[in-house]
Amino acid sequence: MRSATALAGASTANLGYGFDILAVALDSPELPRDRVTVEPAQRWQITVEGPAAEGVPTDPERNGAVLAARAITRRPHRIHLWKGLPPGSGLGSSAASCAAAAKAMAALHGFDGDLVAAAAEGERASAGVPHADNVGAALLGGLVCIADPARSWPVPHHVAFALAIPQIELTTRAMRRIVPKSWPRALHTSETARAIATAVCLTRGEIENLPIRGSIVEKRRSRLIPNYRAVVRAAERAGAPAVTISGSGPTIVAIVDTRKTDAERVAKEMARAFRVSARAVVAFAGEGARIE
């Protein structure tokens, strides 16, 4: 095999209290996947094209796909990235590139190590530190918990993720800087309990009981998202039982039971409440990265 190509898609991470722990792979015709092709070369190279290519670094030292590939082998490769997911949207854009690069490199070289850890190294480029929640979802699909190793569970199909995606870019690096470096034991205990409950409820499809509002991370990050409270109220008025920030934002995600709530209406009401140009998208739990 002289080259390999992989696809990886969007994800929504944290899910309220699961900061750097929980994420769900998203599937929607309106959320394009990133596509990465890798092949051996004399030196590391990266080319980028696609609707979301603007601003993506073409310096190999600053590109997440290259860093993820290097975590698998130090031998130089040429990497071509077709960028579909817009950066800074809170939908795991950088993770999709890293996951696709890691998946393609693993296929090319028969790598059987920890693919999630390798892809997480690529997140250094955008976040300053490796974090595995989004790349875990992009690689494994479904609901992912970043344990050792990362694990994935299916989410029932009646669970929908209504997204309001504003045309605002918030960098992951900046949004991570405003998260407290530590918090009291009692707060850690209560937030961990809610993260566990969130994972259990999602795998069972029990959306009415999702405890995802009010985490310390949400409180800090919501201050930088315009009209955040208005968007949340709009989702709740439209029938959404659970609303929070998708990843580091600015996208807001409402989780609904489609048997009880119109997910499309929820997404549209949220997008309208942003009072800036915003897209309304409905997604479901999706599959992980695949070889093309």
C-alpha atoms as a PDB file:
ATOM      1  CA  MET A   1       0.000   0.000   0.000  1.00  0.00           C
ATOM      2  CA  ARG A   2       1.536   3.310  -1.114  1.00  0.00           C
ATOM      3  CA  SER A   3      -1.059   5.619   0.406  1.00  0.00           C
ATOM      4  CA  ALA A   4      -4.142   5.519   2.611  1.00  0.00           C
ATOM      5  CA  THR A   5      -7.191   7.765   2.958  1.00  0.00           C
ATOM      6  CA  ALA A   6      -9.519   8.101   5.933  1.00  0.00           C
ATOM      7  CA  LEU A   7     -12.644  10.087   6.789  1.00  0.00           C
ATOM      8  CA  ALA A   8     -13.636  11.414  10.222  1.00  0.00           C
ATOM      9  CA  GLY A   9     -16.515  13.620  11.281  1.00  0.00           C
ATOM     10  CA  ALA A  10     -17.916  16.055  13.815  1.00  0.00           C
ATOM     11  CA  SER A  11     -18.401  15.455  17.515  1.00  0.00           C
ATOM     12  CA  THR A  12     -19.849  17.209  20.544  1.00  0.00           C
ATOM     13  CA  ALA A  13     -17.770  17.004  23.704  1.00  0.00           C
ATOM     14  CA  ASN A  14     -18.070  17.593  27.459  1.00  0.00           C
ATOM     15  CA  LEU A  15     -21.888  17.260  27.441  1.00  0.00           C
ATOM     16  CA  GLY A  16     -22.102  19.509  30.465  1.00  0.00           C
ATOM     17  CA  TYR A  17     -20.135  17.950  33.301  1.00  0.00           C
ATOM     18  CA  GLY A  18     -17.944  15.559  31.305  1.00  0.00           C
ATOM     19  CA  PHE A  19     -15.092  18.001  30.633  1.00  0.00           C
ATOM     20  CA  ASP A  20     -12.345  16.190  28.657  1.00  0.00           C
ATOM     21  CA  ILE A  21     -14.112  12.892  29.452  1.00  0.00           C
ATOM     22  CA  LEU A  22     -17.320  12.514  27.403  1.00  0.00           C
ATOM     23  CA  ALA A  23     -18.084  13.069  23.714  1.00  0.00           C
ATOM     24  CA  VAL A  24     -20.515  11.873  21.058  1.00  0.00           C
ATOM     25  CA  ALA A  25     -19.771  11.397  17.359  1.00  0.00           C
ATOM     26  CA  LEU A  26     -22.288  13.317  15.238  1.00  0.00           C
ATOM     27  CA  ASP A  27     -23.854  12.277  11.965  1.00  0.00           C
ATOM     28  CA  SER A  28     -25.770  14.696   9.728  1.00  0.00           C
ATOM     29  CA  PRO A  29     -25.764  15.404   5.971  1.00  0.00           C
ATOM     30  CA  GLU A  30     -25.107  19.030   6.923  1.00  0.00           C
ATOM     31  CA  LEU A  31     -21.899  18.227   8.813  1.00  0.00           C
ATOM     32  CA  PRO A  32     -19.215  17.266   6.275  1.00  0.00           C
ATOM     33  CA  ARG A  33     -16.390  14.951   7.233  1.00  0.00           C
ATOM     34  CA  ASP A  34     -12.689  15.735   6.982  1.00  0.00           C
ATOM     35  CA  ARG A  35     -10.711  13.585   4.531  1.00  0.00           C
ATOM     36  CA  VAL A  36      -7.005  12.843   4.944  1.00  0.00           C
ATOM     37  CA  THR A  37      -4.655  11.064   2.547  1.00  0.00           C
ATOM     38  CA  VAL A  38      -1.148  10.074   3.673  1.00  0.00           C
ATOM     39  CA  GLU A  39       1.804   8.758   1.701  1.00  0.00           C
ATOM     40  CA  PRO A  40       5.551   8.412   2.412  1.00  0.00           C
ATOM     41  CA  ALA A  41       7.700  11.351   1.349  1.00  0.00           C
ATOM     42  CA  GLN A  42      11.212  12.788   1.740  1.00  0.00           C
ATOM     43  CA  ARG A  43      10.025  15.382   4.270  1.00  0.00           C
ATOM     44  CA  TRP A  44       6.879  16.217   6.206  1.00  0.00           C
ATOM     45  CA  GLN A  45       4.419  18.170   4.062  1.00  0.00           C
ATOM     46  CA  ILE A  46       0.790  19.229   4.484  1.00  0.00           C
ATOM     47  CA  THR A  47      -1.586  20.609   1.869  1.00  0.00           C
ATOM     48  CA  VAL A  48      -5.083  21.800   2.760  1.00  0.00           C
ATOM     49  CA  GLU A  49      -8.143  22.461   0.621  1.00  0.00           C
ATOM     50  CA  GLY A  50     -11.927  22.393   1.018  1.00  0.00           C
ATOM     51  CA  PRO A  51     -14.663  24.779   2.173  1.00  0.00           C
ATOM     52  CA  ALA A  52     -13.146  25.182   5.663  1.00  0.00           C
ATOM     53  CA  ALA A  53      -9.487  25.327   4.616  1.00  0.00           C
ATOM     54  CA  GLU A  54      -8.975  29.028   5.300  1.00  0.00           C
ATOM     55  CA  GLY A  55      -6.780  29.602   8.318  1.00  0.00           C
ATOM     56  CA  VAL A  56      -5.752  25.950   8.746  1.00  0.00           C
ATOM     57  CA  PRO A  57      -1.945  25.903   9.252  1.00  0.00           C
ATOM     58  CA  THR A  58       0.145  24.523   6.395  1.00  0.00           C
ATOM     59  CA  ASP A  59       3.298  24.555   8.513  1.00  0.00           C
ATOM     60  CA  PRO A  60       3.846  20.893   9.471  1.00  0.00           C
ATOM     61  CA  GLU A  61       4.972  21.954  12.945  1.00  0.00           C
ATOM     62  CA  ARG A  62       1.622  23.647  13.626  1.00  0.00           C
ATOM     63  CA  ASN A  63      -0.841  21.302  11.917  1.00  0.00           C
ATOM     64  CA  GLY A  64      -2.748  18.792  14.050  1.00  0.00           C
ATOM     65  CA  ALA A  65      -3.011  16.151  11.338  1.00  0.00           C
ATOM     66  CA  VAL A  66       0.779  16.103  11.042  1.00  0.00           C
ATOM     67  CA  LEU A  67       1.268  15.895  14.815  1.00  0.00           C
ATOM     68  CA  ALA A  68      -1.180  12.970  14.995  1.00  0.00           C
ATOM     69  CA  ALA A  69       0.621  11.217  12.148  1.00  0.00           C
ATOM     70  CA  ARG A  70       3.990  11.739  13.852  1.00  0.00           C
ATOM     71  CA  ALA A  71       2.666  10.047  16.968  1.00  0.00           C
ATOM     72  CA  ILE A  72       2.466   6.868  14.888  1.00  0.00           C
ATOM     73  CA  THR A  73       5.753   7.109  12.979  1.00  0.00           C
ATOM     74  CA  ARG A  74       8.596   9.605  12.760  1.00  0.00           C
ATOM     75  CA  ARG A  75       9.226   8.744   9.113  1.00  0.00           C
ATOM     76  CA  PRO A  76       8.203  11.724   6.951  1.00  0.00           C
ATOM     77  CA  HIS A  77       4.953  11.692   4.996  1.00  0.00           C
ATOM     78  CA  ARG A  78       3.015  13.902   2.654  1.00  0.00           C
ATOM     79  CA  ILE A  79      -0.456  14.637   4.030  1.00  0.00           C
ATOM     80  CA  HIS A  80      -3.369  16.051   2.081  1.00  0.00           C
ATOM     81  CA  LEU A  81      -6.288  17.347   4.126  1.00  0.00           C
ATOM     82  CA  TRP A  82      -9.697  18.120   2.659  1.00  0.00           C
ATOM     83  CA  LYS A  83     -11.197  20.309   5.351  1.00  0.00           C
ATOM     84  CA  GLY A  84     -14.984  20.208   5.660  1.00  0.00           C
ATOM     85  CA  LEU A  85     -15.606  21.169   9.306  1.00  0.00           C
ATOM     86  CA  PRO A  86     -15.082  24.847  10.196  1.00  0.00           C
ATOM     87  CA  PRO A  87     -12.455  25.447  12.901  1.00  0.00           C
ATOM     88  CA  GLY A  88     -13.444  27.112  16.164  1.00  0.00           C
ATOM     89  CA  SER A  89     -17.058  25.931  15.976  1.00  0.00           C
ATOM     90  CA  GLY A  90     -17.197  23.606  18.988  1.00  0.00           C
ATOM     91  CA  LEU A  91     -17.832  20.567  16.782  1.00  0.00           C
ATOM     92  CA  GLY A  92     -14.457  18.858  17.036  1.00  0.00           C
ATOM     93  CA  SER A  93     -13.059  20.291  13.817  1.00  0.00           C
ATOM     94  CA  SER A  94      -9.408  19.810  14.739  1.00  0.00           C
ATOM     95  CA  ALA A  95     -10.212  16.377  16.172  1.00  0.00           C
ATOM     96  CA  ALA A  96     -11.710  15.240  12.861  1.00  0.00           C
ATOM     97  CA  SER A  97      -8.464  16.084  11.062  1.00  0.00           C
ATOM     98  CA  CYS A  98      -6.356  14.394  13.748  1.00  0.00           C
ATOM     99  CA  ALA A  99      -8.553  11.293  13.830  1.00  0.00           C
ATOM    100  CA  ALA A 100      -8.573  10.915  10.048  1.00  0.00           C
ATOM    101  CA  ALA A 101      -4.792  11.338   9.898  1.00  0.00           C
ATOM    102  CA  ALA A 102      -4.225   8.771  12.646  1.00  0.00           C
ATOM    103  CA  LYS A 103      -6.651   6.314  11.052  1.00  0.00           C
ATOM    104  CA  ALA A 104      -4.993   6.635   7.643  1.00  0.00           C
ATOM    105  CA  MET A 105      -1.483   6.281   9.076  1.00  0.00           C
ATOM    106  CA  ALA A 106      -2.491   3.220  11.086  1.00  0.00           C
ATOM    107  CA  ALA A 107      -3.895   1.571   7.945  1.00  0.00           C
ATOM    108  CA  LEU A 108      -0.777   2.401   5.929  1.00  0.00           C
ATOM    109  CA  HIS A 109       1.668   1.030   8.495  1.00  0.00           C
ATOM    110  CA  GLY A 110      -0.300  -1.670  10.292  1.00  0.00           C
ATOM    111  CA  PHE A 111      -0.184   0.275  13.554  1.00  0.00           C
ATOM    112  CA  ASP A 112      -1.996  -1.591  16.349  1.00  0.00           C
ATOM    113  CA  GLY A 113      -1.235   0.727  19.276  1.00  0.00           C
ATOM    114  CA  ASP A 114      -3.457   3.277  21.024  1.00  0.00           C
ATOM    115  CA  LEU A 115      -4.976   5.210  18.129  1.00  0.00           C
ATOM    116  CA  VAL A 116      -6.914   7.577  20.404  1.00  0.00           C
ATOM    117  CA  ALA A 117      -3.734   8.594  22.246  1.00  0.00           C
ATOM    118  CA  ALA A 118      -1.950   9.169  18.943  1.00  0.00           C
ATOM    119  CA  ALA A 119      -4.760  11.343  17.578  1.00  0.00           C
ATOM    120  CA  ALA A 120      -4.896  13.273  20.872  1.00  0.00           C
ATOM    121  CA  GLU A 121      -1.299  14.362  20.324  1.00  0.00           C
ATOM    122  CA  GLY A 122      -2.538  16.248  17.285  1.00  0.00           C
ATOM    123  CA  GLU A 123      -4.766  18.404  19.492  1.00  0.00           C
ATOM    124  CA  ARG A 124      -1.634  20.140  20.795  1.00  0.00           C
ATOM    125  CA  ALA A 125      -1.721  22.248  17.635  1.00  0.00           C
ATOM    126  CA  SER A 126      -5.089  23.884  18.393  1.00  0.00           C
ATOM    127  CA  ALA A 127      -5.465  23.471  22.162  1.00  0.00           C
ATOM    128  CA  GLY A 128      -1.876  23.590  23.419  1.00  0.00           C
ATOM    129  CA  VAL A 129      -2.339  20.252  25.185  1.00  0.00           C
ATOM    130  CA  PRO A 130      -3.421  16.774  24.071  1.00  0.00           C
ATOM    131  CA  HIS A 131      -7.028  15.945  24.949  1.00  0.00           C
ATOM    132  CA  ALA A 132      -8.828  12.855  23.783  1.00  0.00           C
ATOM    133  CA  ASP A 133     -12.582  13.425  24.099  1.00  0.00           C
ATOM    134  CA  ASN A 134     -13.310  14.703  20.584  1.00  0.00           C
ATOM    135  CA  VAL A 135     -10.728  12.494  18.856  1.00  0.00           C
ATOM    136  CA  GLY A 136     -12.090   9.497  20.772  1.00  0.00           C
ATOM    137  CA  ALA A 137     -15.593  10.122  19.447  1.00  0.00           C
ATOM    138  CA  ALA A 138     -14.304  10.846  15.935  1.00  0.00           C
ATOM    139  CA  LEU A 139     -12.403   7.547  15.911  1.00  0.00           C
ATOM    140  CA  LEU A 140     -14.743   5.194  17.775  1.00  0.00           C
ATOM    141  CA  GLY A 141     -18.221   6.617  17.127  1.00  0.00           C
ATOM    142  CA  GLY A 142     -21.188   6.680  19.495  1.00  0.00           C
ATOM    143  CA  LEU A 143     -20.775   7.948  23.061  1.00  0.00           C
ATOM    144  CA  VAL A 144     -17.160   7.834  24.175  1.00  0.00           C
ATOM    145  CA  CYS A 145     -15.727   7.882  27.688  1.00  0.00           C
ATOM    146  CA  ILE A 146     -12.019   8.665  27.856  1.00  0.00           C
ATOM    147  CA  ALA A 147     -10.850   5.949  30.207  1.00  0.00           C
ATOM    148  CA  ASP A 148      -7.792   3.725  29.703  1.00  0.00           C
ATOM    149  CA  PRO A 149      -8.466   2.591  27.080  1.00  0.00           C
ATOM    150  CA  ALA A 150     -11.215   4.832  25.687  1.00  0.00           C
ATOM    151  CA  ARG A 151     -14.564   3.059  25.353  1.00  0.00           C
ATOM    152  CA  SER A 152     -17.584   3.616  23.150  1.00  0.00           C
ATOM    153  CA  TRP A 153     -21.281   2.828  23.602  1.00  0.00           C
ATOM    154  CA  PRO A 154     -24.186   3.215  21.156  1.00  0.00           C
ATOM    155  CA  VAL A 155     -26.791   5.932  21.678  1.00  0.00           C
ATOM    156  CA  PRO A 156     -30.429   5.049  20.825  1.00  0.00           C
ATOM    157  CA  HIS A 157     -31.585   6.527  17.529  1.00  0.00           C
ATOM    158  CA  HIS A 158     -34.483   8.413  19.105  1.00  0.00           C
ATOM    159  CA  VAL A 159     -31.871  10.660  20.761  1.00  0.00           C
ATOM    160  CA  ALA A 160     -31.184  13.711  18.585  1.00  0.00           C
ATOM    161  CA  PHE A 161     -28.665  16.517  18.937  1.00  0.00           C
ATOM    162  CA  ALA A 162     -30.170  19.858  17.895  1.00  0.00           C
ATOM    163  CA  LEU A 163     -27.369  22.275  17.061  1.00  0.00           C
ATOM    164  CA  ALA A 164     -27.275  26.045  16.680  1.00  0.00           C
ATOM    165  CA  ILE A 165     -24.001  26.924  14.942  1.00  0.00           C
ATOM    166  CA  PRO A 166     -23.307  30.670  14.879  1.00  0.00           C
ATOM    167  CA  GLN A 167     -20.851  32.278  12.487  1.00  0.00           C
ATOM    168  CA  ILE A 168     -18.512  33.080  15.344  1.00  0.00           C
ATOM    169  CA  GLU A 169     -15.119  31.501  15.879  1.00  0.00           C
ATOM    170  CA  LEU A 170     -13.851  30.774  19.394  1.00  0.00           C
ATOM    171  CA  THR A 171     -10.469  29.054  19.538  1.00  0.00           C
ATOM    172  CA  THR A 172     -10.102  25.991  21.716  1.00  0.00           C
ATOM    173  CA  ARG A 173      -6.858  27.333  23.130  1.00  0.00           C
ATOM    174  CA  ALA A 174      -8.536  30.540  24.343  1.00  0.00           C
ATOM    175  CA  MET A 175     -11.564  28.700  25.739  1.00  0.00           C
ATOM    176  CA  ARG A 176      -9.333  26.290  27.666  1.00  0.00           C
ATOM    177  CA  ARG A 177      -7.450  29.169  29.277  1.00  0.00           C
ATOM    178  CA  ILE A 178     -10.569  30.386  31.097  1.00  0.00           C
ATOM    179  CA  VAL A 179     -11.285  26.987  32.668  1.00  0.00           C
ATOM    180  CA  PRO A 180     -10.123  26.828  36.331  1.00  0.00           C
ATOM    181  CA  LYS A 181      -6.997  24.720  36.831  1.00  0.00           C
ATOM    182  CA  SER A 182      -8.475  23.146  39.959  1.00  0.00           C
ATOM    183  CA  TRP A 183     -11.670  23.154  42.005  1.00  0.00           C
ATOM    184  CA  PRO A 184     -12.747  21.982  45.467  1.00  0.00           C
ATOM    185  CA  ARG A 185     -13.203  18.300  46.274  1.00  0.00           C
ATOM    186  CA  ALA A 186     -16.941  18.673  46.931  1.00  0.00           C
ATOM    187  CA  LEU A 187     -17.442  20.307  43.537  1.00  0.00           C
ATOM    188  CA  HIS A 188     -15.336  17.611  41.866  1.00  0.00           C
ATOM    189  CA  THR A 189     -17.471  14.915  43.487  1.00  0.00           C
ATOM    190  CA  SER A 190     -20.788  16.443  42.454  1.00  0.00           C
ATOM    191  CA  GLU A 191     -19.639  17.168  38.898  1.00  0.00           C
ATOM    192  CA  THR A 192     -18.213  13.663  38.461  1.00  0.00           C
ATOM    193  CA  ALA A 193     -21.510  12.171  39.640  1.00  0.00           C
ATOM    194  CA  ARG A 194     -23.409  14.229  37.062  1.00  0.00           C
ATOM    195  CA  ALA A 195     -20.987  13.206  34.299  1.00  0.00           C
ATOM    196  CA  ILE A 196     -21.586   9.536  35.125  1.00  0.00           C
ATOM    197  CA  ALA A 197     -25.349  10.070  35.195  1.00  0.00           C
ATOM    198  CA  THR A 198     -25.162  11.814  31.821  1.00  0.00           C
ATOM    199  CA  ALA A 199     -23.381   8.850  30.247  1.00  0.00           C
ATOM    200  CA  VAL A 200     -25.853   6.355  31.690  1.00  0.00           C
ATOM    201  CA  CYS A 201     -28.889   8.389  30.613  1.00  0.00           C
ATOM    202  CA  LEU A 202     -27.568   8.786  27.069  1.00  0.00           C
ATOM    203  CA  THR A 203     -26.913   5.080  26.581  1.00  0.00           C
ATOM    204  CA  ARG A 204     -30.416   4.322  27.874  1.00  0.00           C
ATOM    205  CA  GLY A 205     -32.045   7.118  25.876  1.00  0.00           C
ATOM    206  CA  GLU A 206     -33.467   8.662  29.075  1.00  0.00           C
ATOM    207  CA  ILE A 207     -33.172  12.268  27.970  1.00  0.00           C
ATOM    208  CA  GLU A 208     -35.604  13.761  30.483  1.00  0.00           C
ATOM    209  CA  ASN A 209     -33.101  13.020  33.262  1.00  0.00           C
ATOM    210  CA  LEU A 210     -29.951  14.450  31.673  1.00  0.00           C
ATOM    211  CA  PRO A 211     -28.125  16.643  34.247  1.00  0.00           C
ATOM    212  CA  ILE A 212     -25.996  18.805  31.924  1.00  0.00           C
ATOM    213  CA  ARG A 213     -26.584  22.414  33.012  1.00  0.00           C
ATOM    214  CA  GLY A 214     -24.511  24.393  35.490  1.00  0.00           C
ATOM    215  CA  SER A 215     -20.988  22.933  35.373  1.00  0.00           C
ATOM    216  CA  ILE A 216     -18.061  25.153  36.320  1.00  0.00           C
ATOM    217  CA  VAL A 217     -16.733  24.899  32.749  1.00  0.00           C
ATOM    218  CA  GLU A 218     -20.072  25.936  31.239  1.00  0.00           C
ATOM    219  CA  LYS A 219     -20.345  28.900  33.607  1.00  0.00           C
ATOM    220  CA  ARG A 220     -16.925  30.210  32.574  1.00  0.00           C
ATOM    221  CA  ARG A 221     -17.267  29.626  28.847  1.00  0.00           C
ATOM    222  CA  SER A 222     -20.847  30.822  28.483  1.00  0.00           C
ATOM    223  CA  ARG A 223     -19.692  34.361  29.280  1.00  0.00           C
ATOM    224  CA  LEU A 224     -17.894  34.500  25.929  1.00  0.00           C
ATOM    225  CA  ILE A 225     -20.811  33.205  23.840  1.00  0.00           C
ATOM    226  CA  PRO A 226     -23.138  36.017  22.706  1.00  0.00           C
ATOM    227  CA  ASN A 227     -26.785  35.622  23.783  1.00  0.00           C
ATOM    228  CA  TYR A 228     -26.053  32.299  25.456  1.00  0.00           C
ATOM    229  CA  ARG A 229     -28.873  32.539  27.982  1.00  0.00           C
ATOM    230  CA  ALA A 230     -31.371  33.576  25.299  1.00  0.00           C
ATOM    231  CA  VAL A 231     -30.406  30.552  23.194  1.00  0.00           C
ATOM    232  CA  VAL A 232     -30.825  28.209  26.161  1.00  0.00           C
ATOM    233  CA  ARG A 233     -34.227  29.677  26.997  1.00  0.00           C
ATOM    234  CA  ALA A 234     -35.323  29.329  23.363  1.00  0.00           C
ATOM    235  CA  ALA A 235     -34.367  25.636  23.387  1.00  0.00           C
ATOM    236  CA  GLU A 236     -36.239  25.029  26.624  1.00  0.00           C
ATOM    237  CA  ARG A 237     -39.346  26.810  25.359  1.00  0.00           C
ATOM    238  CA  ALA A 238     -39.235  24.593  22.258  1.00  0.00           C
ATOM    239  CA  GLY A 239     -39.292  21.511  24.483  1.00  0.00           C
ATOM    240  CA  ALA A 240     -35.624  20.572  24.905  1.00  0.00           C
ATOM    241  CA  PRO A 241     -34.959  19.006  28.324  1.00  0.00           C
ATOM    242  CA  ALA A 242     -31.153  19.352  28.118  1.00  0.00           C
ATOM    243  CA  VAL A 243     -29.078  22.214  26.662  1.00  0.00           C
ATOM    244  CA  THR A 244     -25.387  23.056  26.975  1.00  0.00           C
ATOM    245  CA  ILE A 245     -22.284  24.228  25.103  1.00  0.00           C
ATOM    246  CA  SER A 246     -20.953  21.899  22.429  1.00  0.00           C
ATOM    247  CA  GLY A 247     -17.284  21.393  23.197  1.00  0.00           C
ATOM    248  CA  SER A 248     -15.670  24.768  23.804  1.00  0.00           C
ATOM    249  CA  GLY A 249     -18.383  26.600  21.845  1.00  0.00           C
ATOM    250  CA  PRO A 250     -19.796  28.700  20.352  1.00  0.00           C
ATOM    251  CA  THR A 251     -22.175  25.998  19.052  1.00  0.00           C
ATOM    252  CA  ILE A 252     -24.996  25.214  21.483  1.00  0.00           C
ATOM    253  CA  VAL A 253     -26.396  21.683  21.603  1.00  0.00           C
ATOM    254  CA  ALA A 254     -29.805  20.585  22.845  1.00  0.00           C
ATOM    255  CA  ILE A 255     -30.373  16.880  23.399  1.00  0.00           C
ATOM    256  CA  VAL A 256     -33.925  15.745  22.742  1.00  0.00           C
ATOM    257  CA  ASP A 257     -36.084  12.643  22.511  1.00  0.00           C
ATOM    258  CA  THR A 258     -37.540  12.765  18.997  1.00  0.00           C
ATOM    259  CA  ARG A 259     -40.546  10.746  20.154  1.00  0.00           C
ATOM    260  CA  LYS A 260     -41.554  13.704  22.334  1.00  0.00           C
ATOM    261  CA  THR A 261     -39.881  16.790  20.876  1.00  0.00           C
ATOM    262  CA  ASP A 262     -39.387  18.234  17.386  1.00  0.00           C
ATOM    263  CA  ALA A 263     -35.593  18.452  17.157  1.00  0.00           C
ATOM    264  CA  GLU A 264     -35.683  20.583  14.001  1.00  0.00           C
ATOM    265  CA  ARG A 265     -37.881  23.178  15.710  1.00  0.00           C
ATOM    266  CA  VAL A 266     -35.537  23.264  18.695  1.00  0.00           C
ATOM    267  CA  ALA A 267     -32.509  23.862  16.455  1.00  0.00           C
ATOM    268  CA  LYS A 268     -34.258  26.617  14.505  1.00  0.00           C
ATOM    269  CA  GLU A 269     -35.429  28.412  17.643  1.00  0.00           C
ATOM    270  CA  MET A 270     -31.927  28.334  19.078  1.00  0.00           C
ATOM    271  CA  ALA A 271     -30.388  29.638  15.862  1.00  0.00           C
ATOM    272  CA  ARG A 272     -32.904  32.476  15.793  1.00  0.00           C
ATOM    273  CA  ALA A 273     -32.151  33.420  19.396  1.00  0.00           C
ATOM    274  CA  PHE A 274     -28.446  33.928  18.667  1.00  0.00           C
ATOM    275  CA  ARG A 275     -29.346  37.191  16.863  1.00  0.00           C
ATOM    276  CA  VAL A 276     -26.366  36.655  14.573  1.00  0.00           C
ATOM    277  CA  SER A 277     -26.178  34.461  11.496  1.00  0.00           C
ATOM    278  CA  ALA A 278     -26.462  30.869  12.715  1.00  0.00           C
ATOM    279  CA  ARG A 279     -27.218  27.478  11.191  1.00  0.00           C
ATOM    280  CA  ALA A 280     -29.752  25.043  12.610  1.00  0.00           C
ATOM    281  CA  VAL A 281     -28.674  21.412  12.258  1.00  0.00           C
ATOM    282  CA  VAL A 282     -30.097  18.162  13.618  1.00  0.00           C
ATOM    283  CA  ALA A 283     -27.658  15.286  14.094  1.00  0.00           C
ATOM    284  CA  PHE A 284     -27.678  11.797  15.572  1.00  0.00           C
ATOM    285  CA  ALA A 285     -24.945   9.697  17.135  1.00  0.00           C
ATOM    286  CA  GLY A 286     -22.679   8.618  14.295  1.00  0.00           C
ATOM    287  CA  GLU A 287     -19.985   6.169  13.354  1.00  0.00           C
ATOM    288  CA  GLY A 288     -16.275   6.605  13.852  1.00  0.00           C
ATOM    289  CA  ALA A 289     -13.507   7.223  11.350  1.00  0.00           C
ATOM    290  CA  ARG A 290     -13.290   4.896   8.388  1.00  0.00           C
ATOM    291  CA  ILE A 291     -10.865   4.030   5.620  1.00  0.00           C
ATOM    292  CA  GLU A 292     -12.001   5.123   2.189  1.00  0.00           C
END
